[in-house]
C-alpha atoms as a PDB file:
ATOM      1  CA  UNK A   1     -11.812  22.846  -4.017  1.00  0.00           C
ATOM      2  CA  UNK A   2     -12.211  25.699  -6.550  1.00  0.00           C
ATOM      3  CA  UNK A   3     -11.508  23.411  -9.528  1.00  0.00           C
ATOM      4  CA  UNK A   4     -11.157  19.718 -10.364  1.00  0.00           C
ATOM      5  CA  UNK A   5      -7.658  18.501 -11.443  1.00  0.00           C
ATOM      6  CA  UNK A   6      -7.464  18.098 -15.252  1.00  0.00           C
ATOM      7  CA  UNK A   7      -7.718  14.362 -16.100  1.00  0.00           C
ATOM      8  CA  UNK A   8      -5.035  14.589 -18.766  1.00  0.00           C
ATOM      9  CA  UNK A   9      -2.621  16.473 -16.494  1.00  0.00           C
ATOM     10  CA  UNK A  10      -3.094  13.693 -13.863  1.00  0.00           C
ATOM     11  CA  UNK A  11      -2.236  11.102 -16.505  1.00  0.00           C
ATOM     12  CA  UNK A  12       0.792  13.080 -17.610  1.00  0.00           C
ATOM     13  CA  UNK A  13       2.200  13.268 -14.062  1.00  0.00           C
ATOM     14  CA  UNK A  14       1.572   9.527 -13.492  1.00  0.00           C
ATOM     15  CA  UNK A  15       3.352   8.754 -16.690  1.00  0.00           C
ATOM     16  CA  UNK A  16       6.268  10.953 -15.862  1.00  0.00           C
ATOM     17  CA  UNK A  17       6.703   9.269 -12.437  1.00  0.00           C
ATOM     18  CA  UNK A  18       6.778   5.878 -14.154  1.00  0.00           C
ATOM     19  CA  UNK A  19       9.508   7.032 -16.597  1.00  0.00           C
ATOM     20  CA  UNK A  20      11.461   8.640 -13.775  1.00  0.00           C
ATOM     21  CA  UNK A  21      11.374   5.444 -11.731  1.00  0.00           C
ATOM     22  CA  UNK A  22      12.484   3.413 -14.714  1.00  0.00           C
ATOM     23  CA  UNK A  23      15.485   5.722 -15.354  1.00  0.00           C
ATOM     24  CA  UNK A  24      16.481   5.691 -11.682  1.00  0.00           C
ATOM     25  CA  UNK A  25      16.307   1.923 -11.509  1.00  0.00           C
ATOM     26  CA  UNK A  26      18.385   1.551 -14.669  1.00  0.00           C
ATOM     27  CA  UNK A  27      20.982   3.897 -13.150  1.00  0.00           C
ATOM     28  CA  UNK A  28      21.326   2.244  -9.740  1.00  0.00           C
ATOM     29  CA  UNK A  29      21.070  -1.354 -10.816  1.00  0.00           C
ATOM     30  CA  UNK A  30      24.715  -1.673 -11.725  1.00  0.00           C
ATOM     31  CA  UNK A  31      25.649  -0.122  -8.405  1.00  0.00           C
ATOM     32  CA  UNK A  32      23.757  -2.872  -6.626  1.00  0.00           C
ATOM     33  CA  UNK A  33      25.841  -5.433  -8.573  1.00  0.00           C
ATOM     34  CA  UNK A  34      29.086  -3.731  -7.626  1.00  0.00           C
ATOM     35  CA  UNK A  35      28.087  -3.639  -3.952  1.00  0.00           C
ATOM     36  CA  UNK A  36      27.501  -7.398  -4.026  1.00  0.00           C
ATOM     37  CA  UNK A  37      30.883  -7.963  -5.701  1.00  0.00           C
ATOM     38  CA  UNK A  38      32.597  -5.828  -3.049  1.00  0.00           C
ATOM     39  CA  UNK A  39      30.958  -7.868  -0.298  1.00  0.00           C
ATOM     40  CA  UNK A  40      32.298 -11.025  -1.951  1.00  0.00           C
ATOM     41  CA  UNK A  41      35.753  -9.495  -2.241  1.00  0.00           C
ATOM     42  CA  UNK A  42      35.641  -9.560  -6.019  1.00  0.00           C
ATOM     43  CA  UNK A  43      36.355  -5.863  -6.599  1.00  0.00           C
ATOM     44  CA  UNK A  44      38.246  -3.095  -4.715  1.00  0.00           C
ATOM     45  CA  UNK A  45      36.518  -0.209  -2.906  1.00  0.00           C
ATOM     46  CA  UNK A  46      37.998   2.133  -5.550  1.00  0.00           C
ATOM     47  CA  UNK A  47      36.012   0.432  -8.315  1.00  0.00           C
ATOM     48  CA  UNK A  48      32.813   0.891  -6.387  1.00  0.00           C
ATOM     49  CA  UNK A  49      33.595   4.515  -5.525  1.00  0.00           C
ATOM     50  CA  UNK A  50      34.253   5.225  -9.237  1.00  0.00           C
ATOM     51  CA  UNK A  51      30.857   3.921 -10.216  1.00  0.00           C
ATOM     52  CA  UNK A  52      29.177   5.652  -7.226  1.00  0.00           C
ATOM     53  CA  UNK A  53      30.559   8.960  -8.442  1.00  0.00           C
ATOM     54  CA  UNK A  54      29.146   8.412 -11.895  1.00  0.00           C
ATOM     55  CA  UNK A  55      25.770   7.395 -10.439  1.00  0.00           C
ATOM     56  CA  UNK A  56      25.670  10.551  -8.297  1.00  0.00           C
ATOM     57  CA  UNK A  57      26.480  12.733 -11.271  1.00  0.00           C
ATOM     58  CA  UNK A  58      23.847  11.190 -13.522  1.00  0.00           C
ATOM     59  CA  UNK A  59      21.342  11.122 -10.650  1.00  0.00           C
ATOM     60  CA  UNK A  60      21.653  14.925 -10.287  1.00  0.00           C
ATOM     61  CA  UNK A  61      21.039  15.304 -14.035  1.00  0.00           C
ATOM     62  CA  UNK A  62      17.914  13.103 -13.824  1.00  0.00           C
ATOM     63  CA  UNK A  63      16.650  14.986 -10.766  1.00  0.00           C
ATOM     64  CA  UNK A  64      17.102  18.307 -12.606  1.00  0.00           C
ATOM     65  CA  UNK A  65      15.428  17.067 -15.785  1.00  0.00           C
ATOM     66  CA  UNK A  66      12.336  15.905 -13.786  1.00  0.00           C
ATOM     67  CA  UNK A  67      11.961  19.266 -11.989  1.00  0.00           C
ATOM     68  CA  UNK A  68      11.024  20.963 -15.257  1.00  0.00           C
ATOM     69  CA  UNK A  69       7.477  21.733 -16.399  1.00  0.00           C
ATOM     70  CA  UNK A  70       5.349  18.712 -17.299  1.00  0.00           C
ATOM     71  CA  UNK A  71       5.181  19.495 -21.036  1.00  0.00           C
ATOM     72  CA  UNK A  72       8.925  20.175 -21.175  1.00  0.00           C
ATOM     73  CA  UNK A  73       9.621  16.792 -19.576  1.00  0.00           C
ATOM     74  CA  UNK A  74       7.349  15.004 -22.028  1.00  0.00           C
ATOM     75  CA  UNK A  75       8.995  16.796 -24.914  1.00  0.00           C
ATOM     76  CA  UNK A  76      12.435  15.670 -23.646  1.00  0.00           C
ATOM     77  CA  UNK A  77      11.313  12.107 -23.319  1.00  0.00           C
ATOM     78  CA  UNK A  78       9.978  12.153 -26.846  1.00  0.00           C
ATOM     79  CA  UNK A  79      13.269  13.609 -28.213  1.00  0.00           C
ATOM     80  CA  UNK A  80      15.251  10.887 -26.436  1.00  0.00           C
ATOM     81  CA  UNK A  81      13.145   8.005 -27.745  1.00  0.00           C
ATOM     82  CA  UNK A  82      11.907   9.060 -31.209  1.00  0.00           C
ATOM     83  CA  UNK A  83      13.759   7.830 -34.345  1.00  0.00           C
ATOM     84  CA  UNK A  84      11.782  10.240 -36.430  1.00  0.00           C
ATOM     85  CA  UNK A  85       9.438  13.274 -36.138  1.00  0.00           C
ATOM     86  CA  UNK A  86       7.693  14.622 -39.178  1.00  0.00           C
ATOM     87  CA  UNK A  87       4.207  15.872 -40.247  1.00  0.00           C
ATOM     88  CA  UNK A  88       1.565  14.252 -42.411  1.00  0.00           C
ATOM     89  CA  UNK A  89      -0.918  16.943 -43.339  1.00  0.00           C
ATOM     90  CA  UNK A  90      -1.716  18.653 -39.982  1.00  0.00           C
ATOM     91  CA  UNK A  91      -0.670  15.650 -37.903  1.00  0.00           C
ATOM     92  CA  UNK A  92       2.676  15.381 -36.197  1.00  0.00           C
ATOM     93  CA  UNK A  93       3.931  11.781 -36.628  1.00  0.00           C
ATOM     94  CA  UNK A  94       6.816  10.177 -34.741  1.00  0.00           C
ATOM     95  CA  UNK A  95       8.353   6.702 -34.776  1.00  0.00           C
ATOM     96  CA  UNK A  96       9.954   4.932 -31.935  1.00  0.00           C
ATOM     97  CA  UNK A  97      11.253   1.489 -30.965  1.00  0.00           C
ATOM     98  CA  UNK A  98       9.533   0.163 -27.889  1.00  0.00           C
ATOM     99  CA  UNK A  99       6.433  -1.117 -26.211  1.00  0.00           C
ATOM    100  CA  UNK A 100       3.121   0.556 -27.083  1.00  0.00           C
ATOM    101  CA  UNK A 101       2.246   0.846 -23.392  1.00  0.00           C
ATOM    102  CA  UNK A 102       5.305   2.910 -22.701  1.00  0.00           C
ATOM    103  CA  UNK A 103       3.987   5.908 -24.695  1.00  0.00           C
ATOM    104  CA  UNK A 104       1.929   8.756 -23.261  1.00  0.00           C
ATOM    105  CA  UNK A 105      -1.179   9.232 -25.414  1.00  0.00           C
ATOM    106  CA  UNK A 106      -4.905   9.828 -25.117  1.00  0.00           C
ATOM    107  CA  UNK A 107      -5.549   6.437 -26.721  1.00  0.00           C
ATOM    108  CA  UNK A 108      -3.804   3.232 -27.833  1.00  0.00           C
ATOM    109  CA  UNK A 109      -4.850   1.200 -30.879  1.00  0.00           C
ATOM    110  CA  UNK A 110      -5.125  -2.546 -30.173  1.00  0.00           C
ATOM    111  CA  UNK A 111      -5.205  -4.901 -33.158  1.00  0.00           C
ATOM    112  CA  UNK A 112      -7.208  -7.956 -32.262  1.00  0.00           C
ATOM    113  CA  UNK A 113      -7.205 -11.323 -34.041  1.00  0.00           C
ATOM    114  CA  UNK A 114      -9.896 -12.663 -36.344  1.00  0.00           C
ATOM    115  CA  UNK A 115     -11.640 -14.431 -33.426  1.00  0.00           C
ATOM    116  CA  UNK A 116     -11.625 -11.204 -31.325  1.00  0.00           C
ATOM    117  CA  UNK A 117      -8.779 -12.306 -29.031  1.00  0.00           C
ATOM    118  CA  UNK A 118      -5.864 -10.168 -27.955  1.00  0.00           C
ATOM    119  CA  UNK A 119      -3.573 -12.648 -26.281  1.00  0.00           C
ATOM    120  CA  UNK A 120      -0.374 -11.890 -28.152  1.00  0.00           C
ATOM    121  CA  UNK A 121       1.744  -8.898 -29.320  1.00  0.00           C
ATOM    122  CA  UNK A 122       0.446  -5.492 -28.360  1.00  0.00           C
ATOM    123  CA  UNK A 123      -2.840  -7.008 -27.013  1.00  0.00           C
ATOM    124  CA  UNK A 124      -1.117  -9.232 -24.517  1.00  0.00           C
ATOM    125  CA  UNK A 125       1.009  -6.350 -23.231  1.00  0.00           C
ATOM    126  CA  UNK A 126      -2.066  -4.104 -22.898  1.00  0.00           C
ATOM    127  CA  UNK A 127      -3.934  -6.772 -20.890  1.00  0.00           C
ATOM    128  CA  UNK A 128      -0.968  -7.468 -18.641  1.00  0.00           C
ATOM    129  CA  UNK A 129      -0.189  -3.880 -17.842  1.00  0.00           C
ATOM    130  CA  UNK A 130      -3.778  -2.697 -17.872  1.00  0.00           C
ATOM    131  CA  UNK A 131      -4.666  -4.792 -14.841  1.00  0.00           C
ATOM    132  CA  UNK A 132      -7.391  -7.274 -14.020  1.00  0.00           C
ATOM    133  CA  UNK A 133     -10.120  -4.912 -15.365  1.00  0.00           C
ATOM    134  CA  UNK A 134      -8.894  -5.385 -18.797  1.00  0.00           C
ATOM    135  CA  UNK A 135     -10.142  -9.009 -18.835  1.00  0.00           C
ATOM    136  CA  UNK A 136     -13.670  -7.787 -18.557  1.00  0.00           C
ATOM    137  CA  UNK A 137     -13.045  -5.213 -21.311  1.00  0.00           C
ATOM    138  CA  UNK A 138     -11.691  -8.004 -23.579  1.00  0.00           C
ATOM    139  CA  UNK A 139     -15.001  -9.866 -23.436  1.00  0.00           C
ATOM    140  CA  UNK A 140     -16.696  -6.832 -24.945  1.00  0.00           C
ATOM    141  CA  UNK A 141     -14.481  -6.699 -28.022  1.00  0.00           C
ATOM    142  CA  UNK A 142     -16.057  -8.224 -31.163  1.00  0.00           C
ATOM    143  CA  UNK A 143     -13.970  -9.894 -33.928  1.00  0.00           C
ATOM    144  CA  UNK A 144     -15.673  -8.016 -36.748  1.00  0.00           C
ATOM    145  CA  UNK A 145     -17.189  -4.630 -37.501  1.00  0.00           C
ATOM    146  CA  UNK A 146     -16.304  -1.149 -36.462  1.00  0.00           C
ATOM    147  CA  UNK A 147     -13.508  -0.329 -34.002  1.00  0.00           C
ATOM    148  CA  UNK A 148     -14.579  -0.756 -30.345  1.00  0.00           C
ATOM    149  CA  UNK A 149     -13.522   1.721 -27.615  1.00  0.00           C
ATOM    150  CA  UNK A 150     -12.915   0.537 -24.074  1.00  0.00           C
ATOM    151  CA  UNK A 151     -11.323   1.944 -20.925  1.00  0.00           C
ATOM    152  CA  UNK A 152      -7.597   1.577 -20.368  1.00  0.00           C
ATOM    153  CA  UNK A 153      -7.406   0.114 -16.886  1.00  0.00           C
ATOM    154  CA  UNK A 154      -4.142   0.987 -15.152  1.00  0.00           C
ATOM    155  CA  UNK A 155      -2.499   2.343 -18.328  1.00  0.00           C
ATOM    156  CA  UNK A 156      -1.567   5.965 -18.691  1.00  0.00           C
ATOM    157  CA  UNK A 157      -4.042   6.630 -21.500  1.00  0.00           C
ATOM    158  CA  UNK A 158      -7.707   7.282 -21.466  1.00  0.00           C
ATOM    159  CA  UNK A 159      -9.004   4.721 -24.017  1.00  0.00           C
ATOM    160  CA  UNK A 160      -8.135   1.614 -25.961  1.00  0.00           C
ATOM    161  CA  UNK A 161      -9.399   1.508 -29.571  1.00  0.00           C
ATOM    162  CA  UNK A 162      -9.715  -2.188 -30.531  1.00  0.00           C
ATOM    163  CA  UNK A 163      -9.910  -3.165 -34.189  1.00  0.00           C
ATOM    164  CA  UNK A 164      -9.552  -6.253 -36.321  1.00  0.00           C
ATOM    165  CA  UNK A 165      -7.110  -5.645 -39.251  1.00  0.00           C
ATOM    166  CA  UNK A 166      -8.489  -8.858 -40.960  1.00  0.00           C
ATOM    167  CA  UNK A 167     -12.115  -7.697 -40.718  1.00  0.00           C
ATOM    168  CA  UNK A 168     -14.003  -8.885 -43.844  1.00  0.00           C
ATOM    169  CA  UNK A 169     -12.436 -12.319 -43.899  1.00  0.00           C
ATOM    170  CA  UNK A 170      -9.809 -11.658 -46.580  1.00  0.00           C
ATOM    171  CA  UNK A 171      -6.790 -11.760 -44.290  1.00  0.00           C
ATOM    172  CA  UNK A 172      -4.601  -8.839 -43.422  1.00  0.00           C
ATOM    173  CA  UNK A 173      -3.678  -6.636 -46.400  1.00  0.00           C
ATOM    174  CA  UNK A 174      -2.469  -3.053 -46.770  1.00  0.00           C
ATOM    175  CA  UNK A 175      -6.043  -2.046 -47.748  1.00  0.00           C
ATOM    176  CA  UNK A 176      -7.671  -3.799 -44.753  1.00  0.00           C
ATOM    177  CA  UNK A 177      -5.202  -2.138 -42.417  1.00  0.00           C
ATOM    178  CA  UNK A 178      -5.791   1.256 -43.974  1.00  0.00           C
ATOM    179  CA  UNK A 179      -9.596   0.781 -43.744  1.00  0.00           C
ATOM    180  CA  UNK A 180      -9.763  -0.267 -40.010  1.00  0.00           C
ATOM    181  CA  UNK A 181      -7.182   2.334 -38.945  1.00  0.00           C
ATOM    182  CA  UNK A 182      -9.173   4.954 -40.767  1.00  0.00           C
ATOM    183  CA  UNK A 183     -12.109   3.861 -38.664  1.00  0.00           C
ATOM    184  CA  UNK A 184      -9.937   4.143 -35.502  1.00  0.00           C
ATOM    185  CA  UNK A 185      -8.938   7.674 -36.440  1.00  0.00           C
ATOM    186  CA  UNK A 186     -12.587   8.656 -36.953  1.00  0.00           C
ATOM    187  CA  UNK A 187     -13.304   7.230 -33.487  1.00  0.00           C
ATOM    188  CA  UNK A 188     -10.516   9.386 -32.083  1.00  0.00           C
ATOM    189  CA  UNK A 189     -12.070  12.405 -33.779  1.00  0.00           C
ATOM    190  CA  UNK A 190     -15.511  11.588 -32.221  1.00  0.00           C
ATOM    191  CA  UNK A 191     -13.927  11.352 -28.838  1.00  0.00           C
ATOM    192  CA  UNK A 192     -12.001  14.578 -29.363  1.00  0.00           C
ATOM    193  CA  UNK A 193      -8.606  12.823 -28.691  1.00  0.00           C
ATOM    194  CA  UNK A 194      -5.438  14.754 -29.551  1.00  0.00           C
ATOM    195  CA  UNK A 195      -2.894  11.893 -29.445  1.00  0.00           C
ATOM    196  CA  UNK A 196      -2.927   8.362 -30.650  1.00  0.00           C
ATOM    197  CA  UNK A 197      -0.391   5.521 -30.246  1.00  0.00           C
ATOM    198  CA  UNK A 198      -0.329   2.851 -32.917  1.00  0.00           C
ATOM    199  CA  UNK A 199       1.620  -0.455 -32.706  1.00  0.00           C
ATOM    200  CA  UNK A 200       2.454  -2.849 -35.516  1.00  0.00           C
ATOM    201  CA  UNK A 201      -0.869  -3.972 -37.018  1.00  0.00           C
ATOM    202  CA  UNK A 202       0.391  -7.513 -37.666  1.00  0.00           C
ATOM    203  CA  UNK A 203       3.026  -9.583 -35.968  1.00  0.00           C
ATOM    204  CA  UNK A 204       5.642 -11.973 -37.326  1.00  0.00           C
ATOM    205  CA  UNK A 205       4.249 -15.010 -39.203  1.00  0.00           C
ATOM    206  CA  UNK A 206       1.051 -13.246 -40.321  1.00  0.00           C
ATOM    207  CA  UNK A 207       0.176 -13.300 -44.006  1.00  0.00           C
ATOM    208  CA  UNK A 208       1.546  -9.868 -44.708  1.00  0.00           C
ATOM    209  CA  UNK A 209       5.098  -8.532 -45.021  1.00  0.00           C
ATOM    210  CA  UNK A 210       6.339  -5.747 -42.751  1.00  0.00           C
ATOM    211  CA  UNK A 211       6.664  -3.468 -45.765  1.00  0.00           C
ATOM    212  CA  UNK A 212       2.959  -3.992 -46.692  1.00  0.00           C
ATOM    213  CA  UNK A 213       1.815  -3.555 -43.054  1.00  0.00           C
ATOM    214  CA  UNK A 214       3.745  -0.228 -42.871  1.00  0.00           C
ATOM    215  CA  UNK A 215       2.313   0.977 -46.137  1.00  0.00           C
ATOM    216  CA  UNK A 216      -1.257   0.347 -45.000  1.00  0.00           C
ATOM    217  CA  UNK A 217      -0.656   2.063 -41.588  1.00  0.00           C
ATOM    218  CA  UNK A 218       0.941   5.147 -43.033  1.00  0.00           C
ATOM    219  CA  UNK A 219      -1.673   5.207 -45.830  1.00  0.00           C
ATOM    220  CA  UNK A 220      -4.452   5.589 -43.233  1.00  0.00           C
ATOM    221  CA  UNK A 221      -2.643   8.563 -41.639  1.00  0.00           C
ATOM    222  CA  UNK A 222      -2.163  10.226 -45.009  1.00  0.00           C
ATOM    223  CA  UNK A 223      -5.817   9.703 -45.940  1.00  0.00           C
ATOM    224  CA  UNK A 224      -7.177  11.068 -42.619  1.00  0.00           C
ATOM    225  CA  UNK A 225      -8.905  14.410 -42.513  1.00  0.00           C
ATOM    226  CA  UNK A 226      -9.891  15.756 -39.108  1.00  0.00           C
ATOM    227  CA  UNK A 227      -9.462  18.525 -36.536  1.00  0.00           C
ATOM    228  CA  UNK A 228      -8.859  16.793 -33.219  1.00  0.00           C
ATOM    229  CA  UNK A 229      -6.003  14.265 -33.805  1.00  0.00           C
ATOM    230  CA  UNK A 230      -2.805  16.316 -33.764  1.00  0.00           C
ATOM    231  CA  UNK A 231      -0.140  13.713 -32.898  1.00  0.00           C
ATOM    232  CA  UNK A 232       0.374  10.081 -33.700  1.00  0.00           C
ATOM    233  CA  UNK A 233       3.203   7.825 -32.378  1.00  0.00           C
ATOM    234  CA  UNK A 234       3.975   4.698 -34.379  1.00  0.00           C
ATOM    235  CA  UNK A 235       5.708   2.138 -32.072  1.00  0.00           C
ATOM    236  CA  UNK A 236       7.366  -1.075 -33.053  1.00  0.00           C
ATOM    237  CA  UNK A 237       9.368  -3.455 -30.859  1.00  0.00           C
ATOM    238  CA  UNK A 238      11.384  -4.261 -33.988  1.00  0.00           C
ATOM    239  CA  UNK A 239      14.091  -1.714 -34.994  1.00  0.00           C
ATOM    240  CA  UNK A 240      13.877  -3.052 -38.636  1.00  0.00           C
ATOM    241  CA  UNK A 241      10.151  -2.368 -38.766  1.00  0.00           C
ATOM    242  CA  UNK A 242      10.548   1.037 -37.171  1.00  0.00           C
ATOM    243  CA  UNK A 243      13.097   1.899 -39.871  1.00  0.00           C
ATOM    244  CA  UNK A 244      10.500   0.905 -42.513  1.00  0.00           C
ATOM    245  CA  UNK A 245       8.050   3.390 -40.958  1.00  0.00           C
ATOM    246  CA  UNK A 246      10.713   6.123 -41.143  1.00  0.00           C
ATOM    247  CA  UNK A 247      11.400   5.244 -44.774  1.00  0.00           C
ATOM    248  CA  UNK A 248       7.735   5.249 -45.747  1.00  0.00           C
ATOM    249  CA  UNK A 249       7.084   8.484 -44.052  1.00  0.00           C
ATOM    250  CA  UNK A 250      10.056  10.158 -45.895  1.00  0.00           C
ATOM    251  CA  UNK A 251       8.589   9.261 -49.306  1.00  0.00           C
ATOM    252  CA  UNK A 252       6.196  12.151 -49.476  1.00  0.00           C
ATOM    253  CA  UNK A 253       7.907  14.636 -47.132  1.00  0.00           C
END
């Protein structure tokens, strides 16, 4: 071979295939249901043909969309899923509702608990989708101190940046979130990472309100000064929290 495939391009293509498979499955799942109903005599063939025509039409659109250049496809996915796209300094920041592992990025931030565990929220999802190797990585993550970088297992990112938003023993506060996230952003600069995905830094029932959590998260992005990180995606599985991110980002636009 005259050259080695670019690692980031490989991750992009793997991620795109995953999204394509998800869209195809969502499209044909109702068709399977209709087929079963037809076999049971619960619907007429005409009803099945009508849905099949719709599926064929949408399937052609999906096929066409995924024949475009890699970066064009990724941009289209972002436009479909983002609630907000703005800039904070030199960083493009977007907000979306969804799972942190469903985002293409160079690294994912993983907030661990005070005892260093990541068995709930974003951490649990990362361990589940990252594969068996993530269990070994988990053992290397301390509860205190600086953010720790590990591999990403089967995920479509290069690294996981683990941090404890309650580091220092004072519980989770806007200031503690801003401090540890600032450390994560510096780690990303050291590793020359261009994109970072950040989930909610505290889940329901933790001693901080969603509003305060959002303020600390966005505060770290506003305070960051660097040259490598050019895009950050803020992801929440709660639409209400995602709307709070949008509101906070709009304050200083």
